[in-house]
N, C-alpha and C. Protein backbone atom coordinates (compact mmCIF):
# COMPACT_ATOMS: atom_id res chain seq x y z
N MET A 1 96.16 115.90 189.15
CA MET A 1 96.60 115.76 187.78
C MET A 1 95.47 115.13 186.98
N GLN A 2 95.23 115.68 185.80
CA GLN A 2 94.18 115.16 184.93
C GLN A 2 94.79 114.16 183.95
N VAL A 3 94.18 112.96 183.92
CA VAL A 3 94.76 111.84 183.20
C VAL A 3 93.79 111.26 182.19
N GLY A 4 94.35 110.83 181.06
CA GLY A 4 93.61 110.06 180.07
C GLY A 4 94.26 108.69 179.95
N ILE A 5 93.44 107.66 179.76
CA ILE A 5 93.94 106.29 179.64
C ILE A 5 93.44 105.69 178.34
N ILE A 6 94.38 105.18 177.55
CA ILE A 6 94.05 104.59 176.25
C ILE A 6 94.53 103.14 176.24
N THR A 7 93.60 102.22 176.04
CA THR A 7 93.96 100.82 175.82
C THR A 7 94.07 100.61 174.32
N VAL A 8 95.22 100.08 173.89
CA VAL A 8 95.46 99.81 172.47
C VAL A 8 95.39 98.31 172.27
N SER A 9 94.31 97.85 171.63
CA SER A 9 94.11 96.42 171.44
C SER A 9 93.04 96.18 170.38
N ASP A 10 93.39 95.44 169.34
CA ASP A 10 92.39 95.07 168.34
C ASP A 10 91.25 94.29 168.98
N ARG A 11 91.61 93.26 169.75
CA ARG A 11 90.59 92.38 170.33
C ARG A 11 89.70 93.10 171.35
N ALA A 12 90.30 93.91 172.20
CA ALA A 12 89.49 94.62 173.20
C ALA A 12 88.59 95.65 172.52
N SER A 13 89.09 96.31 171.48
CA SER A 13 88.27 97.32 170.79
C SER A 13 87.09 96.69 170.05
N GLU A 14 87.23 95.42 169.69
CA GLU A 14 86.14 94.70 169.00
C GLU A 14 85.22 93.99 169.99
N GLY A 15 85.54 94.02 171.28
CA GLY A 15 84.72 93.37 172.28
C GLY A 15 84.97 91.87 172.39
N VAL A 16 86.03 91.37 171.73
CA VAL A 16 86.36 89.95 171.76
C VAL A 16 87.10 89.61 173.04
N TYR A 17 87.79 90.59 173.58
CA TYR A 17 88.67 90.39 174.73
C TYR A 17 88.36 91.48 175.74
N GLU A 18 88.24 91.10 177.00
CA GLU A 18 87.97 92.09 178.05
C GLU A 18 89.21 92.93 178.31
N ASP A 19 89.03 94.24 178.32
CA ASP A 19 90.14 95.15 178.63
C ASP A 19 90.47 95.04 180.11
N LEU A 20 91.67 94.59 180.40
CA LEU A 20 92.12 94.49 181.79
C LEU A 20 93.17 95.56 182.10
N GLY A 21 93.93 95.97 181.08
CA GLY A 21 95.00 96.95 181.28
C GLY A 21 94.47 98.32 181.65
N GLY A 22 93.47 98.79 180.94
CA GLY A 22 92.89 100.11 181.22
C GLY A 22 92.37 100.21 182.64
N PRO A 23 91.53 99.27 183.08
CA PRO A 23 91.04 99.32 184.46
C PRO A 23 92.15 99.23 185.51
N ALA A 24 93.19 98.44 185.24
CA ALA A 24 94.30 98.33 186.19
C ALA A 24 95.03 99.68 186.31
N LEU A 25 95.25 100.34 185.17
CA LEU A 25 95.89 101.66 185.20
C LEU A 25 95.00 102.69 185.87
N LYS A 26 93.70 102.60 185.62
CA LYS A 26 92.76 103.55 186.23
C LYS A 26 92.82 103.44 187.75
N LYS A 27 92.81 102.21 188.26
CA LYS A 27 92.88 102.03 189.71
C LYS A 27 94.19 102.58 190.26
N ALA A 28 95.29 102.29 189.59
CA ALA A 28 96.59 102.80 190.05
C ALA A 28 96.60 104.33 190.04
N ALA A 29 96.10 104.92 188.97
CA ALA A 29 96.07 106.38 188.86
C ALA A 29 95.21 107.00 189.96
N GLU A 30 94.06 106.40 190.21
CA GLU A 30 93.19 106.90 191.28
C GLU A 30 93.86 106.75 192.64
N ASP A 31 94.59 105.64 192.83
CA ASP A 31 95.32 105.44 194.09
C ASP A 31 96.39 106.52 194.28
N TYR A 32 96.94 107.05 193.17
CA TYR A 32 97.92 108.13 193.25
C TYR A 32 97.25 109.50 193.45
N GLY A 33 95.92 109.52 193.46
CA GLY A 33 95.18 110.77 193.67
C GLY A 33 94.93 111.55 192.39
N TRP A 34 95.14 110.92 191.25
CA TRP A 34 94.93 111.59 189.97
C TRP A 34 93.47 111.48 189.54
N SER A 35 93.04 112.40 188.71
CA SER A 35 91.68 112.43 188.20
C SER A 35 91.65 111.91 186.76
N ILE A 36 90.89 110.84 186.53
CA ILE A 36 90.79 110.29 185.18
C ILE A 36 89.65 111.02 184.48
N ILE A 37 89.98 111.77 183.42
CA ILE A 37 88.95 112.55 182.74
C ILE A 37 88.61 112.02 181.35
N ALA A 38 89.39 111.05 180.86
CA ALA A 38 89.11 110.48 179.54
C ALA A 38 89.63 109.06 179.47
N GLU A 39 88.85 108.18 178.84
CA GLU A 39 89.25 106.79 178.65
C GLU A 39 88.80 106.33 177.27
N ALA A 40 89.60 105.46 176.65
CA ALA A 40 89.24 104.93 175.34
C ALA A 40 89.90 103.59 175.13
N ILE A 41 89.26 102.79 174.29
CA ILE A 41 89.85 101.55 173.80
C ILE A 41 89.90 101.69 172.29
N VAL A 42 91.10 101.59 171.72
CA VAL A 42 91.27 101.76 170.28
C VAL A 42 92.01 100.55 169.71
N PRO A 43 91.80 100.27 168.42
CA PRO A 43 92.55 99.17 167.81
C PRO A 43 94.02 99.54 167.61
N ASP A 44 94.81 98.53 167.28
CA ASP A 44 96.23 98.74 166.98
C ASP A 44 96.34 99.41 165.61
N ASP A 45 95.99 100.67 165.57
CA ASP A 45 95.96 101.44 164.33
C ASP A 45 96.64 102.78 164.58
N LEU A 46 97.69 103.04 163.84
CA LEU A 46 98.51 104.23 164.06
C LEU A 46 97.68 105.52 164.09
N THR A 47 96.83 105.70 163.11
CA THR A 47 96.04 106.93 163.03
C THR A 47 95.07 107.06 164.20
N ARG A 48 94.40 105.98 164.56
CA ARG A 48 93.44 106.03 165.68
C ARG A 48 94.14 106.33 166.99
N ILE A 49 95.32 105.76 167.19
CA ILE A 49 96.09 106.04 168.41
C ILE A 49 96.44 107.53 168.45
N GLN A 50 96.96 108.04 167.36
CA GLN A 50 97.35 109.46 167.30
C GLN A 50 96.17 110.38 167.51
N GLU A 51 95.04 110.09 166.87
CA GLU A 51 93.85 110.94 167.03
C GLU A 51 93.37 110.95 168.48
N THR A 52 93.42 109.81 169.13
CA THR A 52 92.96 109.72 170.52
C THR A 52 93.90 110.46 171.46
N ILE A 53 95.19 110.32 171.25
CA ILE A 53 96.15 111.07 172.07
C ILE A 53 95.92 112.56 171.92
N ARG A 54 95.81 113.02 170.69
CA ARG A 54 95.61 114.46 170.45
C ARG A 54 94.29 114.94 171.05
N SER A 55 93.25 114.14 170.94
CA SER A 55 91.95 114.49 171.52
C SER A 55 92.05 114.62 173.04
N PHE A 56 92.70 113.66 173.67
CA PHE A 56 92.84 113.70 175.13
C PHE A 56 93.67 114.91 175.55
N SER A 57 94.70 115.23 174.80
CA SER A 57 95.51 116.40 175.11
C SER A 57 94.68 117.67 175.02
N SER A 58 93.87 117.78 173.98
CA SER A 58 93.04 118.98 173.81
C SER A 58 91.95 119.07 174.88
N GLN A 59 91.61 117.94 175.50
CA GLN A 59 90.63 117.94 176.59
C GLN A 59 91.25 118.32 177.93
N GLY A 60 92.58 118.50 177.95
CA GLY A 60 93.24 118.94 179.17
C GLY A 60 93.97 117.86 179.95
N CYS A 61 94.14 116.69 179.35
CA CYS A 61 94.91 115.64 180.04
C CYS A 61 96.38 116.01 180.05
N GLY A 62 96.92 116.28 181.22
CA GLY A 62 98.35 116.57 181.33
C GLY A 62 99.18 115.31 181.21
N LEU A 63 98.57 114.18 181.56
CA LEU A 63 99.21 112.88 181.49
C LEU A 63 98.30 111.94 180.71
N ILE A 64 98.87 111.30 179.70
CA ILE A 64 98.13 110.31 178.92
C ILE A 64 98.89 109.00 179.01
N LEU A 65 98.21 107.98 179.51
CA LEU A 65 98.80 106.66 179.65
C LEU A 65 98.21 105.74 178.59
N THR A 66 99.08 105.06 177.84
CA THR A 66 98.59 104.04 176.93
C THR A 66 99.04 102.69 177.46
N THR A 67 98.25 101.68 177.20
CA THR A 67 98.62 100.31 177.55
C THR A 67 98.39 99.44 176.34
N GLY A 68 99.44 98.73 175.94
CA GLY A 68 99.35 97.84 174.79
C GLY A 68 100.08 98.38 173.57
N GLY A 69 100.47 97.45 172.71
CA GLY A 69 101.09 97.81 171.45
C GLY A 69 102.55 98.18 171.53
N THR A 70 103.22 97.83 172.63
CA THR A 70 104.62 98.21 172.79
C THR A 70 105.59 97.06 172.58
N GLY A 71 105.07 95.92 172.15
CA GLY A 71 105.92 94.76 171.92
C GLY A 71 106.47 94.75 170.50
N ILE A 72 106.79 93.55 170.02
CA ILE A 72 107.39 93.43 168.68
C ILE A 72 106.51 92.66 167.70
N ALA A 73 105.26 92.41 168.07
CA ALA A 73 104.34 91.76 167.15
C ALA A 73 104.05 92.70 165.97
N GLU A 74 103.60 92.12 164.90
CA GLU A 74 103.37 92.90 163.67
C GLU A 74 102.41 94.06 163.88
N ARG A 75 101.39 93.89 164.71
CA ARG A 75 100.39 94.95 164.92
C ARG A 75 100.78 95.94 166.02
N ASP A 76 101.89 95.74 166.70
CA ASP A 76 102.32 96.64 167.78
C ASP A 76 102.89 97.93 167.19
N VAL A 77 102.08 98.99 167.21
CA VAL A 77 102.49 100.26 166.57
C VAL A 77 102.40 101.47 167.50
N THR A 78 102.16 101.24 168.78
CA THR A 78 102.00 102.37 169.69
C THR A 78 103.23 103.29 169.71
N PRO A 79 104.46 102.77 169.80
CA PRO A 79 105.62 103.68 169.79
C PRO A 79 105.72 104.49 168.50
N GLU A 80 105.44 103.85 167.38
CA GLU A 80 105.49 104.58 166.10
C GLU A 80 104.43 105.66 166.03
N ALA A 81 103.25 105.37 166.57
CA ALA A 81 102.17 106.37 166.59
C ALA A 81 102.59 107.59 167.39
N ILE A 82 103.15 107.35 168.56
CA ILE A 82 103.57 108.46 169.43
C ILE A 82 104.71 109.24 168.79
N ARG A 83 105.69 108.53 168.27
CA ARG A 83 106.83 109.22 167.65
C ARG A 83 106.40 110.07 166.45
N GLY A 84 105.32 109.69 165.80
CA GLY A 84 104.84 110.45 164.65
C GLY A 84 104.23 111.79 165.00
N ILE A 85 103.87 112.00 166.27
CA ILE A 85 103.23 113.26 166.67
C ILE A 85 103.92 113.96 167.83
N MET A 86 104.99 113.37 168.33
CA MET A 86 105.63 113.94 169.53
C MET A 86 106.44 115.18 169.20
N ARG A 87 106.62 116.01 170.22
CA ARG A 87 107.56 117.13 170.13
C ARG A 87 108.95 116.66 170.54
N VAL A 88 109.00 115.83 171.59
CA VAL A 88 110.27 115.33 172.08
C VAL A 88 110.04 114.00 172.81
N GLU A 89 110.96 113.07 172.61
CA GLU A 89 110.93 111.81 173.36
C GLU A 89 111.77 111.99 174.62
N ILE A 90 111.40 111.27 175.68
CA ILE A 90 112.14 111.31 176.94
C ILE A 90 112.69 109.91 177.18
N PRO A 91 113.88 109.62 176.68
CA PRO A 91 114.42 108.25 176.70
C PRO A 91 114.55 107.63 178.08
N GLY A 92 114.81 108.44 179.11
CA GLY A 92 115.00 107.89 180.45
C GLY A 92 113.83 107.08 180.95
N PHE A 93 112.61 107.46 180.59
CA PHE A 93 111.44 106.72 181.03
C PHE A 93 111.49 105.28 180.52
N GLY A 94 111.69 105.11 179.23
CA GLY A 94 111.75 103.77 178.65
C GLY A 94 112.91 102.97 179.20
N GLU A 95 114.04 103.63 179.38
CA GLU A 95 115.22 102.96 179.90
C GLU A 95 114.97 102.42 181.31
N VAL A 96 114.39 103.24 182.16
CA VAL A 96 114.11 102.81 183.54
C VAL A 96 113.05 101.70 183.56
N MET A 97 112.01 101.85 182.76
CA MET A 97 110.96 100.83 182.74
C MET A 97 111.53 99.48 182.31
N ARG A 98 112.37 99.46 181.28
CA ARG A 98 112.97 98.21 180.83
C ARG A 98 113.94 97.65 181.87
N MET A 99 114.78 98.50 182.43
CA MET A 99 115.78 98.06 183.40
C MET A 99 115.11 97.42 184.62
N LYS A 100 114.12 98.11 185.18
CA LYS A 100 113.43 97.59 186.37
C LYS A 100 112.60 96.35 186.03
N SER A 101 111.98 96.35 184.87
CA SER A 101 111.16 95.20 184.46
C SER A 101 112.01 93.97 184.21
N LEU A 102 113.22 94.17 183.76
CA LEU A 102 114.12 93.05 183.49
C LEU A 102 114.44 92.27 184.77
N GLU A 103 114.31 92.93 185.90
CA GLU A 103 114.49 92.25 187.19
C GLU A 103 113.33 91.29 187.47
N LEU A 104 112.19 91.49 186.78
CA LEU A 104 110.99 90.69 187.00
C LEU A 104 110.76 89.64 185.93
N THR A 105 111.15 89.96 184.68
CA THR A 105 110.93 89.02 183.57
C THR A 105 111.98 89.23 182.47
N PRO A 106 112.51 88.14 181.92
CA PRO A 106 113.48 88.29 180.84
C PRO A 106 112.86 88.88 179.57
N ASN A 107 111.56 88.79 179.43
CA ASN A 107 110.89 89.33 178.24
C ASN A 107 110.83 90.85 178.22
N ALA A 108 111.20 91.49 179.31
CA ALA A 108 111.20 92.96 179.36
C ALA A 108 112.11 93.56 178.30
N ILE A 109 113.09 92.81 177.89
CA ILE A 109 114.03 93.30 176.88
C ILE A 109 113.33 93.54 175.54
N LEU A 110 112.17 92.93 175.35
CA LEU A 110 111.39 93.10 174.11
C LEU A 110 110.49 94.33 174.13
N SER A 111 110.37 94.97 175.28
CA SER A 111 109.47 96.11 175.42
C SER A 111 109.99 97.34 174.69
N ARG A 112 109.06 98.06 174.07
CA ARG A 112 109.41 99.32 173.42
C ARG A 112 108.66 100.47 174.10
N SER A 113 108.41 100.32 175.40
CA SER A 113 107.74 101.36 176.16
C SER A 113 108.56 102.65 176.09
N LEU A 114 107.86 103.78 176.12
CA LEU A 114 108.53 105.07 176.01
C LEU A 114 107.67 106.16 176.61
N ALA A 115 108.25 107.34 176.68
CA ALA A 115 107.51 108.54 177.09
C ALA A 115 107.91 109.67 176.16
N ALA A 116 106.96 110.57 175.93
CA ALA A 116 107.19 111.70 175.03
C ALA A 116 106.24 112.83 175.38
N VAL A 117 106.57 114.00 174.89
CA VAL A 117 105.66 115.15 175.01
C VAL A 117 104.94 115.28 173.68
N VAL A 118 103.62 115.26 173.75
CA VAL A 118 102.76 115.48 172.58
C VAL A 118 101.86 116.65 172.93
N ASP A 119 101.92 117.68 172.12
CA ASP A 119 101.17 118.91 172.39
C ASP A 119 101.55 119.39 173.80
N ARG A 120 100.60 119.44 174.73
CA ARG A 120 100.90 119.87 176.10
C ARG A 120 100.69 118.73 177.10
N SER A 121 100.98 117.52 176.65
CA SER A 121 100.78 116.35 177.51
C SER A 121 102.03 115.48 177.56
N LEU A 122 102.22 114.85 178.71
CA LEU A 122 103.20 113.79 178.82
C LEU A 122 102.48 112.50 178.47
N VAL A 123 103.00 111.78 177.50
CA VAL A 123 102.40 110.51 177.07
C VAL A 123 103.37 109.40 177.45
N ILE A 124 102.86 108.40 178.17
CA ILE A 124 103.68 107.26 178.55
C ILE A 124 103.05 106.01 177.96
N ALA A 125 103.81 105.32 177.10
CA ALA A 125 103.36 104.07 176.50
C ALA A 125 103.82 102.92 177.38
N LEU A 126 102.86 102.23 177.96
CA LEU A 126 103.11 101.16 178.92
C LEU A 126 102.79 99.80 178.30
N PRO A 127 103.32 98.73 178.88
CA PRO A 127 103.02 97.39 178.36
C PRO A 127 101.52 97.08 178.40
N GLY A 128 101.13 96.07 177.65
CA GLY A 128 99.73 95.66 177.60
C GLY A 128 99.29 94.79 178.76
N LYS A 129 100.22 94.06 179.35
CA LYS A 129 99.85 93.22 180.50
C LYS A 129 99.54 94.14 181.68
N PRO A 130 98.40 93.94 182.33
CA PRO A 130 97.99 94.84 183.41
C PRO A 130 99.05 95.03 184.49
N GLN A 131 99.63 93.95 184.99
CA GLN A 131 100.62 94.10 186.05
C GLN A 131 101.87 94.81 185.54
N GLY A 132 102.26 94.51 184.31
CA GLY A 132 103.42 95.18 183.72
C GLY A 132 103.18 96.68 183.56
N ALA A 133 101.97 97.05 183.17
CA ALA A 133 101.64 98.47 183.01
C ALA A 133 101.70 99.19 184.34
N VAL A 134 101.10 98.59 185.37
CA VAL A 134 101.08 99.20 186.70
C VAL A 134 102.49 99.27 187.28
N ASP A 135 103.26 98.19 187.12
CA ASP A 135 104.63 98.18 187.62
C ASP A 135 105.45 99.28 186.95
N CYS A 136 105.38 99.36 185.64
CA CYS A 136 106.17 100.35 184.90
C CYS A 136 105.78 101.77 185.27
N LEU A 137 104.50 102.01 185.47
CA LEU A 137 104.05 103.33 185.91
C LEU A 137 104.69 103.66 187.26
N GLY A 138 104.73 102.69 188.15
CA GLY A 138 105.34 102.91 189.46
C GLY A 138 106.84 103.18 189.38
N PHE A 139 107.51 102.56 188.42
CA PHE A 139 108.96 102.75 188.27
C PHE A 139 109.32 104.20 187.90
N VAL A 140 108.42 104.89 187.20
CA VAL A 140 108.71 106.26 186.73
C VAL A 140 107.89 107.32 187.46
N LEU A 141 107.16 106.91 188.45
CA LEU A 141 106.23 107.78 189.16
C LEU A 141 106.86 109.09 189.63
N GLY A 142 108.05 109.01 190.18
CA GLY A 142 108.68 110.20 190.75
C GLY A 142 108.96 111.31 189.75
N ALA A 143 109.14 110.96 188.47
CA ALA A 143 109.44 111.96 187.45
C ALA A 143 108.21 112.53 186.77
N ILE A 144 107.05 111.95 187.02
CA ILE A 144 105.85 112.36 186.29
C ILE A 144 105.39 113.78 186.62
N PRO A 145 105.22 114.18 187.88
CA PRO A 145 104.70 115.53 188.14
C PRO A 145 105.52 116.64 187.49
N HIS A 146 106.83 116.57 187.62
CA HIS A 146 107.68 117.60 187.02
C HIS A 146 107.60 117.56 185.49
N SER A 147 107.58 116.37 184.93
CA SER A 147 107.49 116.22 183.48
C SER A 147 106.19 116.80 182.94
N VAL A 148 105.09 116.56 183.66
CA VAL A 148 103.80 117.11 183.23
C VAL A 148 103.83 118.64 183.27
N LYS A 149 104.41 119.19 184.32
CA LYS A 149 104.53 120.66 184.39
C LYS A 149 105.31 121.20 183.21
N LEU A 150 106.42 120.56 182.88
CA LEU A 150 107.22 121.02 181.74
C LEU A 150 106.43 120.89 180.44
N ALA A 151 105.71 119.77 180.27
CA ALA A 151 104.92 119.58 179.06
C ALA A 151 103.84 120.65 178.93
N GLN A 152 103.28 121.07 180.07
CA GLN A 152 102.23 122.08 180.06
C GLN A 152 102.78 123.50 180.12
N ARG A 153 104.10 123.61 180.06
CA ARG A 153 104.80 124.89 180.03
C ARG A 153 104.55 125.72 181.30
N VAL A 154 104.44 125.01 182.42
CA VAL A 154 104.30 125.67 183.72
C VAL A 154 105.72 126.01 184.21
N PRO A 155 105.95 127.26 184.62
CA PRO A 155 107.29 127.61 185.11
C PRO A 155 107.68 126.74 186.30
N THR A 156 108.93 126.27 186.28
CA THR A 156 109.44 125.44 187.37
C THR A 156 110.76 126.04 187.84
N SER A 157 111.25 125.54 188.96
CA SER A 157 112.49 126.08 189.54
C SER A 157 113.74 125.54 188.85
N CYS A 158 113.59 124.56 187.94
CA CYS A 158 114.79 124.06 187.26
C CYS A 158 114.56 123.88 185.78
């Protein structure tokens, strides 16, 4: 599976803060046997997030993972960016990520993580904390291959 990883962070994009979420997701994705073909660090800016997602999709990323911007802080706009360009949201992903994360931290209830189809890609918005991003990816792992096939309009048996 060809994957793109986008870190959404004002501080990391300015070089003030070391990006830890992107590398953690990259390692997890590689451990799953996926090929990372695109990576970016962008600020918490709706337009920049959307442009990067669309660019990664056009480059052939069947799966695009974002980390960051899914909380309730004023600059957290990743869900809004995705919803502005998606064809369809897949609510079960966010529901499972929150439900399973709530077993680990009470703050999981504040998460606005989600998944959606944008162009021909499955986009999953994951938390900004590295361990939270990796955990949430693992919680939905089983549904990803089939979802990517559907997003890419590959015929499936169901």
